[in-house]
Amino acid sequence: MQRRTEREQKAKRTAIIGSTVGVVIVVGGIVAAVALLGGNDTGTEAATSPSSAPAETAQASAAAGPKPYDAKAGTCDYVKDSSGGQVKDVGMPPAKVATEPATKTMTLQTNLGDIVVKLDNAKAPCTTNSLEFLAGKKYYNGSKCHRLGSDKFPMLQCGDPTAKADGKNTTDGSGGPGYVLAEENLQGAQYKRGVMAMAKTSAPGSTGSQFFLVFGDIGLSPDYTPVGTITKGLDILDKVNKAGVIANMGDETGAPKQTVEIKDVTIAGKS
């Protein structure tokens, strides 16, 4: 009970997959209540009920949430994240963005090799712009992917620059850039093998810096920005999955036994 209480108190901004606000996801006939922790989450353990964000926090975030991409002005809305959590402050991305080129290539240089993602800049310009901004600030450098799902929930979650990824640190998943943005590209969104999507809480407009890489098929509702497609490195994710998790938190996820450290991130040109 003590651990559960600590978990709920510390998780203000967890990206949901079955959530603490009552969303339960059935994957392959098995209930998988898993949290994909979003940026600046104050608690990020693999909680049995994934979005450990208190209802009032989610409601407040929704009320003052960022606006979606303004196609006429060509601008994005990035707003200060007031939900709390650990912040690695590197400033705010520029509001003015361009949807050309339609795609960009993001390369995650890890200790296990490169993971390359084709970013959909045309359909998710604000998210792509944010990722490019953070990459340019070396925000992700030295960070560790802190959460791994099983074959029943096949994803690896990364993007918290403060995570220890040792299976012991209760604040893993609580790190973020100090700002949030609106979700994009949700119409018909599916989370199949090879998709990269952004983590968030149950509240709209709560996307931060954390993301998840899908190495199987996950039956999630279309609430998480699908920002790109993995074109290289799925074998790395399969290897990490095979190694398993350090400790299962009761929701089929935990810190990966095989450490995945992001050495550098670059984003450029057309894919």
C-alpha atoms as a PDB file:
ATOM      1  CA  MET A   1       0.000   0.000   0.000  1.00  0.00           C
ATOM      2  CA  GLN A   2       2.866   2.349   0.806  1.00  0.00           C
ATOM      3  CA  ARG A   3       4.454   1.741  -2.584  1.00  0.00           C
ATOM      4  CA  ARG A   4       1.143   2.254  -4.323  1.00  0.00           C
ATOM      5  CA  THR A   5       0.570   5.532  -2.468  1.00  0.00           C
ATOM      6  CA  GLU A   6       4.038   6.810  -3.365  1.00  0.00           C
ATOM      7  CA  ARG A   7       3.473   5.841  -6.968  1.00  0.00           C
ATOM      8  CA  GLU A   8       0.192   7.715  -7.196  1.00  0.00           C
ATOM      9  CA  GLN A   9       1.592  10.776  -5.482  1.00  0.00           C
ATOM     10  CA  LYS A  10       4.596  10.957  -7.753  1.00  0.00           C
ATOM     11  CA  ALA A  11       2.835  10.323 -11.028  1.00  0.00           C
ATOM     12  CA  LYS A  12       1.284  13.546 -12.233  1.00  0.00           C
ATOM     13  CA  ARG A  13       2.148  13.261 -15.898  1.00  0.00           C
ATOM     14  CA  THR A  14       2.243   9.657 -16.991  1.00  0.00           C
ATOM     15  CA  ALA A  15       1.381   8.793 -20.536  1.00  0.00           C
ATOM     16  CA  ILE A  16      -1.444   6.356 -20.477  1.00  0.00           C
ATOM     17  CA  ILE A  17      -1.935   2.961 -21.836  1.00  0.00           C
ATOM     18  CA  GLY A  18      -4.804   1.877 -19.713  1.00  0.00           C
ATOM     19  CA  SER A  19      -4.647   4.568 -17.078  1.00  0.00           C
ATOM     20  CA  THR A  20      -5.092   5.588 -13.524  1.00  0.00           C
ATOM     21  CA  VAL A  21      -8.136   7.413 -14.630  1.00  0.00           C
ATOM     22  CA  GLY A  22      -9.796   4.156 -15.410  1.00  0.00           C
ATOM     23  CA  VAL A  23      -8.743   3.255 -18.938  1.00  0.00           C
ATOM     24  CA  VAL A  24      -7.930  -0.424 -19.320  1.00  0.00           C
ATOM     25  CA  ILE A  25      -6.529  -1.874 -22.508  1.00  0.00           C
ATOM     26  CA  VAL A  26      -7.027  -5.439 -23.567  1.00  0.00           C
ATOM     27  CA  VAL A  27      -4.153  -6.777 -25.619  1.00  0.00           C
ATOM     28  CA  GLY A  28      -4.389 -10.342 -26.902  1.00  0.00           C
ATOM     29  CA  GLY A  29      -7.135 -11.064 -24.414  1.00  0.00           C
ATOM     30  CA  ILE A  30      -5.000  -9.923 -21.480  1.00  0.00           C
ATOM     31  CA  VAL A  31      -5.627  -6.702 -19.603  1.00  0.00           C
ATOM     32  CA  ALA A  32      -2.570  -4.481 -19.884  1.00  0.00           C
ATOM     33  CA  ALA A  33      -2.802  -1.412 -17.730  1.00  0.00           C
ATOM     34  CA  VAL A  34       0.447   0.312 -18.551  1.00  0.00           C
ATOM     35  CA  ALA A  35       1.706   3.836 -18.252  1.00  0.00           C
ATOM     36  CA  LEU A  36       3.695   5.492 -20.997  1.00  0.00           C
ATOM     37  CA  LEU A  37       5.126   8.360 -19.099  1.00  0.00           C
ATOM     38  CA  GLY A  38       4.990  11.745 -20.677  1.00  0.00           C
ATOM     39  CA  GLY A  39       7.447  14.558 -20.356  1.00  0.00           C
ATOM     40  CA  ASN A  40       7.757  16.208 -16.974  1.00  0.00           C
ATOM     41  CA  ASP A  41       5.834  13.470 -15.216  1.00  0.00           C
ATOM     42  CA  THR A  42       6.117  13.603 -11.524  1.00  0.00           C
ATOM     43  CA  GLY A  43       5.888   9.945 -11.190  1.00  0.00           C
ATOM     44  CA  THR A  44       6.788   7.398 -13.672  1.00  0.00           C
ATOM     45  CA  GLU A  45       6.823   3.979 -12.286  1.00  0.00           C
ATOM     46  CA  ALA A  46       5.092   1.333 -14.302  1.00  0.00           C
ATOM     47  CA  ALA A  47       1.909   1.786 -12.410  1.00  0.00           C
ATOM     48  CA  THR A  48      -0.779  -0.808 -12.619  1.00  0.00           C
ATOM     49  CA  SER A  49      -2.987   1.975 -13.765  1.00  0.00           C
ATOM     50  CA  PRO A  50      -0.943   3.919 -16.220  1.00  0.00           C
ATOM     51  CA  SER A  51      -1.840   7.484 -16.176  1.00  0.00           C
ATOM     52  CA  SER A  52      -1.031   8.161 -12.615  1.00  0.00           C
ATOM     53  CA  ALA A  53      -2.001  11.773 -13.106  1.00  0.00           C
ATOM     54  CA  PRO A  54      -4.564  12.938 -10.563  1.00  0.00           C
ATOM     55  CA  ALA A  55      -7.887  13.769 -12.204  1.00  0.00           C
ATOM     56  CA  GLU A  56      -7.712  17.377 -11.104  1.00  0.00           C
ATOM     57  CA  THR A  57      -4.246  17.754 -12.608  1.00  0.00           C
ATOM     58  CA  ALA A  58      -5.436  16.365 -15.915  1.00  0.00           C
ATOM     59  CA  GLN A  59      -8.438  18.693 -15.950  1.00  0.00           C
ATOM     60  CA  ALA A  60      -6.358  21.748 -15.186  1.00  0.00           C
ATOM     61  CA  SER A  61      -3.913  20.819 -17.912  1.00  0.00           C
ATOM     62  CA  ALA A  62      -6.725  20.398 -20.416  1.00  0.00           C
ATOM     63  CA  ALA A  63      -8.221  23.795 -19.587  1.00  0.00           C
ATOM     64  CA  ALA A  64      -4.987  25.657 -20.187  1.00  0.00           C
ATOM     65  CA  GLY A  65      -3.620  23.313 -22.804  1.00  0.00           C
ATOM     66  CA  PRO A  66      -1.706  24.286 -25.946  1.00  0.00           C
ATOM     67  CA  LYS A  67      -3.493  25.009 -29.205  1.00  0.00           C
ATOM     68  CA  PRO A  68      -3.036  22.754 -32.251  1.00  0.00           C
ATOM     69  CA  TYR A  69      -0.969  23.696 -35.300  1.00  0.00           C
ATOM     70  CA  ASP A  70      -2.192  26.852 -37.038  1.00  0.00           C
ATOM     71  CA  ALA A  71      -1.842  26.021 -40.737  1.00  0.00           C
ATOM     72  CA  LYS A  72      -2.707  29.555 -41.866  1.00  0.00           C
ATOM     73  CA  ALA A  73      -0.036  31.199 -39.728  1.00  0.00           C
ATOM     74  CA  GLY A  74       2.352  28.246 -39.864  1.00  0.00           C
ATOM     75  CA  THR A  75       2.800  28.327 -36.112  1.00  0.00           C
ATOM     76  CA  CYS A  76       2.779  25.913 -33.168  1.00  0.00           C
ATOM     77  CA  ASP A  77       1.777  26.563 -29.581  1.00  0.00           C
ATOM     78  CA  TYR A  78       4.245  25.468 -26.928  1.00  0.00           C
ATOM     79  CA  VAL A  79       3.198  26.302 -23.381  1.00  0.00           C
ATOM     80  CA  LYS A  80       4.807  26.018 -19.975  1.00  0.00           C
ATOM     81  CA  ASP A  81       4.109  22.716 -18.262  1.00  0.00           C
ATOM     82  CA  SER A  82       2.728  23.534 -14.841  1.00  0.00           C
ATOM     83  CA  SER A  83       2.109  19.956 -13.724  1.00  0.00           C
ATOM     84  CA  GLY A  84       5.406  19.632 -11.878  1.00  0.00           C
ATOM     85  CA  GLY A  85       8.114  17.033 -12.297  1.00  0.00           C
ATOM     86  CA  GLN A  86      11.804  17.169 -13.038  1.00  0.00           C
ATOM     87  CA  VAL A  87      12.722  19.652 -15.748  1.00  0.00           C
ATOM     88  CA  LYS A  88      15.763  19.827 -17.973  1.00  0.00           C
ATOM     89  CA  ASP A  89      15.238  23.360 -19.174  1.00  0.00           C
ATOM     90  CA  VAL A  90      16.663  24.068 -22.614  1.00  0.00           C
ATOM     91  CA  GLY A  91      14.206  26.813 -23.533  1.00  0.00           C
ATOM     92  CA  MET A  92      11.165  26.794 -25.806  1.00  0.00           C
ATOM     93  CA  PRO A  93      11.025  25.705 -29.464  1.00  0.00           C
ATOM     94  CA  PRO A  94      10.395  28.418 -32.088  1.00  0.00           C
ATOM     95  CA  ALA A  95       6.689  28.869 -32.811  1.00  0.00           C
ATOM     96  CA  LYS A  96       7.142  29.276 -36.566  1.00  0.00           C
ATOM     97  CA  VAL A  97       7.505  25.965 -38.394  1.00  0.00           C
ATOM     98  CA  ALA A  98       7.494  24.653 -41.945  1.00  0.00           C
ATOM     99  CA  THR A  99       5.809  21.497 -43.209  1.00  0.00           C
ATOM    100  CA  GLU A 100       8.452  21.061 -45.901  1.00  0.00           C
ATOM    101  CA  PRO A 101      10.287  18.838 -46.347  1.00  0.00           C
ATOM    102  CA  ALA A 102       7.398  16.451 -45.772  1.00  0.00           C
ATOM    103  CA  THR A 103       9.665  13.985 -43.996  1.00  0.00           C
ATOM    104  CA  LYS A 104      12.838  14.250 -41.964  1.00  0.00           C
ATOM    105  CA  THR A 105      15.268  11.639 -40.724  1.00  0.00           C
ATOM    106  CA  MET A 106      15.935  11.260 -37.026  1.00  0.00           C
ATOM    107  CA  THR A 107      18.893   9.139 -35.986  1.00  0.00           C
ATOM    108  CA  LEU A 108      19.121   7.932 -32.404  1.00  0.00           C
ATOM    109  CA  GLN A 109      22.719   6.942 -31.790  1.00  0.00           C
ATOM    110  CA  THR A 110      22.605   4.413 -28.949  1.00  0.00           C
ATOM    111  CA  ASN A 111      25.077   2.146 -27.186  1.00  0.00           C
ATOM    112  CA  LEU A 112      23.538  -0.739 -29.159  1.00  0.00           C
ATOM    113  CA  GLY A 113      23.635   0.909 -32.577  1.00  0.00           C
ATOM    114  CA  ASP A 114      21.594   3.400 -34.553  1.00  0.00           C
ATOM    115  CA  ILE A 115      17.812   3.558 -34.542  1.00  0.00           C
ATOM    116  CA  VAL A 116      16.595   5.583 -37.518  1.00  0.00           C
ATOM    117  CA  VAL A 117      13.108   7.068 -37.750  1.00  0.00           C
ATOM    118  CA  LYS A 118      11.381   8.735 -40.695  1.00  0.00           C
ATOM    119  CA  LEU A 119       9.531  11.656 -39.120  1.00  0.00           C
ATOM    120  CA  ASP A 120       6.245  12.777 -40.681  1.00  0.00           C
ATOM    121  CA  ASN A 121       6.848  16.511 -40.700  1.00  0.00           C
ATOM    122  CA  ALA A 122       3.847  17.208 -42.912  1.00  0.00           C
ATOM    123  CA  LYS A 123       1.334  15.593 -40.545  1.00  0.00           C
ATOM    124  CA  ALA A 124       3.082  16.273 -37.230  1.00  0.00           C
ATOM    125  CA  PRO A 125       4.990  19.534 -37.762  1.00  0.00           C
ATOM    126  CA  CYS A 126       4.834  20.768 -34.167  1.00  0.00           C
ATOM    127  CA  THR A 127       6.037  17.457 -32.765  1.00  0.00           C
ATOM    128  CA  THR A 128       8.799  17.190 -35.356  1.00  0.00           C
ATOM    129  CA  ASN A 129       9.845  20.770 -34.638  1.00  0.00           C
ATOM    130  CA  SER A 130       9.979  20.028 -30.914  1.00  0.00           C
ATOM    131  CA  LEU A 131      12.079  16.915 -31.420  1.00  0.00           C
ATOM    132  CA  GLU A 132      14.428  18.810 -33.724  1.00  0.00           C
ATOM    133  CA  PHE A 133      14.764  21.613 -31.202  1.00  0.00           C
ATOM    134  CA  LEU A 134      15.531  19.210 -28.353  1.00  0.00           C
ATOM    135  CA  ALA A 135      18.019  17.294 -30.499  1.00  0.00           C
ATOM    136  CA  GLY A 136      19.812  20.530 -31.342  1.00  0.00           C
ATOM    137  CA  LYS A 137      20.067  21.342 -27.641  1.00  0.00           C
ATOM    138  CA  LYS A 138      21.561  17.876 -26.929  1.00  0.00           C
ATOM    139  CA  TYR A 139      18.616  17.319 -24.605  1.00  0.00           C
ATOM    140  CA  TYR A 140      18.512  13.551 -25.116  1.00  0.00           C
ATOM    141  CA  ASN A 141      22.258  12.967 -24.978  1.00  0.00           C
ATOM    142  CA  GLY A 142      23.208  10.535 -22.220  1.00  0.00           C
ATOM    143  CA  SER A 143      19.593   9.646 -21.403  1.00  0.00           C
ATOM    144  CA  LYS A 144      18.450   6.059 -20.877  1.00  0.00           C
ATOM    145  CA  CYS A 145      15.270   4.380 -22.053  1.00  0.00           C
ATOM    146  CA  HIS A 146      13.506   3.674 -18.772  1.00  0.00           C
ATOM    147  CA  ARG A 147      10.552   1.442 -19.599  1.00  0.00           C
ATOM    148  CA  LEU A 148      10.126  -1.758 -21.557  1.00  0.00           C
ATOM    149  CA  GLY A 149       6.935  -3.663 -22.219  1.00  0.00           C
ATOM    150  CA  SER A 150       6.629  -7.379 -22.775  1.00  0.00           C
ATOM    151  CA  ASP A 151       5.416  -9.185 -25.896  1.00  0.00           C
ATOM    152  CA  LYS A 152       1.933  -8.365 -24.616  1.00  0.00           C
ATOM    153  CA  PHE A 153       2.751  -4.656 -24.583  1.00  0.00           C
ATOM    154  CA  PRO A 154       5.627  -4.316 -27.069  1.00  0.00           C
ATOM    155  CA  MET A 155       7.159  -0.887 -26.643  1.00  0.00           C
ATOM    156  CA  LEU A 156      10.315   0.790 -25.332  1.00  0.00           C
ATOM    157  CA  GLN A 157       9.824   4.195 -23.720  1.00  0.00           C
ATOM    158  CA  CYS A 158      12.547   6.820 -23.787  1.00  0.00           C
ATOM    159  CA  GLY A 159      12.969  10.579 -23.579  1.00  0.00           C
ATOM    160  CA  ASP A 160      13.301  11.285 -19.851  1.00  0.00           C
ATOM    161  CA  PRO A 161      16.773  12.832 -19.475  1.00  0.00           C
ATOM    162  CA  THR A 162      16.673  12.287 -15.712  1.00  0.00           C
ATOM    163  CA  ALA A 163      15.801   8.567 -15.709  1.00  0.00           C
ATOM    164  CA  LYS A 164      18.195   6.107 -14.059  1.00  0.00           C
ATOM    165  CA  ALA A 165      16.567   3.078 -15.748  1.00  0.00           C
ATOM    166  CA  ASP A 166      17.761   0.805 -12.955  1.00  0.00           C
ATOM    167  CA  GLY A 167      14.411  -0.514 -11.799  1.00  0.00           C
ATOM    168  CA  LYS A 168      14.842   1.251  -8.447  1.00  0.00           C
ATOM    169  CA  ASN A 169      14.409   4.939  -9.135  1.00  0.00           C
ATOM    170  CA  THR A 170      10.787   5.899  -8.457  1.00  0.00           C
ATOM    171  CA  THR A 171      11.109   9.173 -10.361  1.00  0.00           C
ATOM    172  CA  ASP A 172      11.952   7.561 -13.694  1.00  0.00           C
ATOM    173  CA  GLY A 173       9.594   8.985 -16.277  1.00  0.00           C
ATOM    174  CA  SER A 174       9.140  12.265 -14.415  1.00  0.00           C
ATOM    175  CA  GLY A 175      11.607  14.234 -16.521  1.00  0.00           C
ATOM    176  CA  GLY A 176      10.587  16.666 -19.219  1.00  0.00           C
ATOM    177  CA  PRO A 177      11.551  19.890 -21.035  1.00  0.00           C
ATOM    178  CA  GLY A 178       9.219  22.128 -19.051  1.00  0.00           C
ATOM    179  CA  TYR A 179       6.762  22.655 -21.909  1.00  0.00           C
ATOM    180  CA  VAL A 180       3.937  20.737 -23.562  1.00  0.00           C
ATOM    181  CA  LEU A 181       2.285  20.734 -26.971  1.00  0.00           C
ATOM    182  CA  ALA A 182      -0.908  19.510 -28.592  1.00  0.00           C
ATOM    183  CA  GLU A 183      -1.230  16.011 -30.029  1.00  0.00           C
ATOM    184  CA  GLU A 184      -1.173  15.647 -33.839  1.00  0.00           C
ATOM    185  CA  ASN A 185      -1.849  13.172 -36.622  1.00  0.00           C
ATOM    186  CA  LEU A 186      -4.414  11.244 -34.586  1.00  0.00           C
ATOM    187  CA  GLN A 187      -6.981  10.457 -37.250  1.00  0.00           C
ATOM    188  CA  GLY A 188      -6.814   6.733 -37.918  1.00  0.00           C
ATOM    189  CA  ALA A 189      -3.701   6.424 -35.750  1.00  0.00           C
ATOM    190  CA  GLN A 190      -2.512   2.875 -35.136  1.00  0.00           C
ATOM    191  CA  TYR A 191       0.390   1.695 -33.044  1.00  0.00           C
ATOM    192  CA  LYS A 192       1.836  -1.201 -34.990  1.00  0.00           C
ATOM    193  CA  ARG A 193       5.374  -2.554 -35.188  1.00  0.00           C
ATOM    194  CA  GLY A 194       7.733   0.163 -36.356  1.00  0.00           C
ATOM    195  CA  VAL A 195       5.754   3.174 -35.121  1.00  0.00           C
ATOM    196  CA  MET A 196       7.302   5.907 -33.010  1.00  0.00           C
ATOM    197  CA  ALA A 197       4.720   7.825 -30.969  1.00  0.00           C
ATOM    198  CA  MET A 198       4.764  10.422 -28.213  1.00  0.00           C
ATOM    199  CA  ALA A 199       3.880   9.667 -24.603  1.00  0.00           C
ATOM    200  CA  LYS A 200       1.271  11.771 -22.803  1.00  0.00           C
ATOM    201  CA  THR A 201      -1.215  11.817 -19.934  1.00  0.00           C
ATOM    202  CA  SER A 202      -4.973  11.387 -20.117  1.00  0.00           C
ATOM    203  CA  ALA A 203      -5.334  15.135 -20.650  1.00  0.00           C
ATOM    204  CA  PRO A 204      -5.197  16.525 -24.184  1.00  0.00           C
ATOM    205  CA  GLY A 205      -2.247  18.764 -24.920  1.00  0.00           C
ATOM    206  CA  SER A 206       0.110  16.966 -22.548  1.00  0.00           C
ATOM    207  CA  THR A 207       2.756  15.726 -24.992  1.00  0.00           C
ATOM    208  CA  GLY A 208       6.295  16.453 -23.817  1.00  0.00           C
ATOM    209  CA  SER A 209       9.693  14.980 -24.668  1.00  0.00           C
ATOM    210  CA  GLN A 210       9.057  11.307 -23.946  1.00  0.00           C
ATOM    211  CA  PHE A 211       8.292   8.863 -26.731  1.00  0.00           C
ATOM    212  CA  PHE A 212       7.805   5.157 -27.256  1.00  0.00           C
ATOM    213  CA  LEU A 213       9.134   2.843 -29.951  1.00  0.00           C
ATOM    214  CA  VAL A 214       6.777   0.020 -30.902  1.00  0.00           C
ATOM    215  CA  PHE A 215       8.235  -3.388 -31.788  1.00  0.00           C
ATOM    216  CA  GLY A 216       4.915  -5.267 -31.971  1.00  0.00           C
ATOM    217  CA  ASP A 217       1.268  -4.274 -32.334  1.00  0.00           C
ATOM    218  CA  ILE A 218      -0.472  -2.387 -29.517  1.00  0.00           C
ATOM    219  CA  GLY A 219      -4.215  -1.850 -29.449  1.00  0.00           C
ATOM    220  CA  LEU A 220      -4.223   1.709 -28.152  1.00  0.00           C
ATOM    221  CA  SER A 221      -6.871   4.337 -28.732  1.00  0.00           C
ATOM    222  CA  PRO A 222      -5.726   7.082 -31.154  1.00  0.00           C
ATOM    223  CA  ASP A 223      -4.598   9.550 -28.501  1.00  0.00           C
ATOM    224  CA  TYR A 224      -0.802   9.520 -28.871  1.00  0.00           C
ATOM    225  CA  THR A 225       0.912  11.415 -31.676  1.00  0.00           C
ATOM    226  CA  PRO A 226       2.343   8.956 -34.228  1.00  0.00           C
ATOM    227  CA  VAL A 227       5.314  11.043 -35.295  1.00  0.00           C
ATOM    228  CA  GLY A 228       7.290   8.596 -37.406  1.00  0.00           C
ATOM    229  CA  THR A 229       8.211   5.164 -38.660  1.00  0.00           C
ATOM    230  CA  ILE A 230      11.305   3.206 -37.658  1.00  0.00           C
ATOM    231  CA  THR A 231      13.326   2.384 -40.774  1.00  0.00           C
ATOM    232  CA  LYS A 232      16.362   0.914 -39.031  1.00  0.00           C
ATOM    233  CA  GLY A 233      16.974  -0.582 -35.608  1.00  0.00           C
ATOM    234  CA  LEU A 234      13.951  -2.789 -34.988  1.00  0.00           C
ATOM    235  CA  ASP A 235      16.423  -5.619 -34.450  1.00  0.00           C
ATOM    236  CA  ILE A 236      17.857  -3.602 -31.557  1.00  0.00           C
ATOM    237  CA  LEU A 237      14.414  -3.326 -29.972  1.00  0.00           C
ATOM    238  CA  ASP A 238      13.885  -7.063 -30.433  1.00  0.00           C
ATOM    239  CA  LYS A 239      17.205  -7.720 -28.701  1.00  0.00           C
ATOM    240  CA  VAL A 240      16.274  -5.486 -25.780  1.00  0.00           C
ATOM    241  CA  ASN A 241      12.877  -7.154 -25.524  1.00  0.00           C
ATOM    242  CA  LYS A 242      14.448 -10.607 -25.478  1.00  0.00           C
ATOM    243  CA  ALA A 243      16.664  -9.602 -22.544  1.00  0.00           C
ATOM    244  CA  GLY A 244      13.564  -8.772 -20.501  1.00  0.00           C
ATOM    245  CA  VAL A 245      12.885  -6.372 -17.659  1.00  0.00           C
ATOM    246  CA  ILE A 246      14.664  -5.876 -14.348  1.00  0.00           C
ATOM    247  CA  ALA A 247      11.469  -5.971 -12.336  1.00  0.00           C
ATOM    248  CA  ASN A 248       7.912  -6.397 -13.502  1.00  0.00           C
ATOM    249  CA  MET A 249       5.766  -3.765 -11.822  1.00  0.00           C
ATOM    250  CA  GLY A 250       2.615  -5.837 -12.262  1.00  0.00           C
ATOM    251  CA  ASP A 251       1.591  -4.337 -15.585  1.00  0.00           C
ATOM    252  CA  GLU A 252       3.941  -6.234 -17.884  1.00  0.00           C
ATOM    253  CA  THR A 253       6.500  -3.395 -17.970  1.00  0.00           C
ATOM    254  CA  GLY A 254       9.682  -2.436 -16.142  1.00  0.00           C
ATOM    255  CA  ALA A 255      13.184  -1.058 -16.630  1.00  0.00           C
ATOM    256  CA  PRO A 256      14.956  -3.005 -19.398  1.00  0.00           C
ATOM    257  CA  LYS A 257      17.703  -5.418 -18.336  1.00  0.00           C
ATOM    258  CA  GLN A 258      19.618  -4.469 -21.479  1.00  0.00           C
ATOM    259  CA  THR A 259      20.551  -0.819 -21.018  1.00  0.00           C
ATOM    260  CA  VAL A 260      19.649   1.459 -23.919  1.00  0.00           C
ATOM    261  CA  GLU A 261      21.495   4.756 -23.682  1.00  0.00           C
ATOM    262  CA  ILE A 262      20.984   7.513 -26.228  1.00  0.00           C
ATOM    263  CA  LYS A 263      24.374   8.966 -27.079  1.00  0.00           C
ATOM    264  CA  ASP A 264      23.191  11.591 -29.557  1.00  0.00           C
ATOM    265  CA  VAL A 265      20.190  12.535 -31.682  1.00  0.00           C
ATOM    266  CA  THR A 266      20.338  14.187 -35.082  1.00  0.00           C
ATOM    267  CA  ILE A 267      17.501  15.269 -37.362  1.00  0.00           C
ATOM    268  CA  ALA A 268      17.994  16.432 -40.901  1.00  0.00           C
ATOM    269  CA  GLY A 269      16.690  16.711 -44.424  1.00  0.00           C
ATOM    270  CA  LYS A 270      14.477  14.319 -46.277  1.00  0.00           C
ATOM    271  CA  SER A 271      14.409  10.670 -45.343  1.00  0.00           C
END
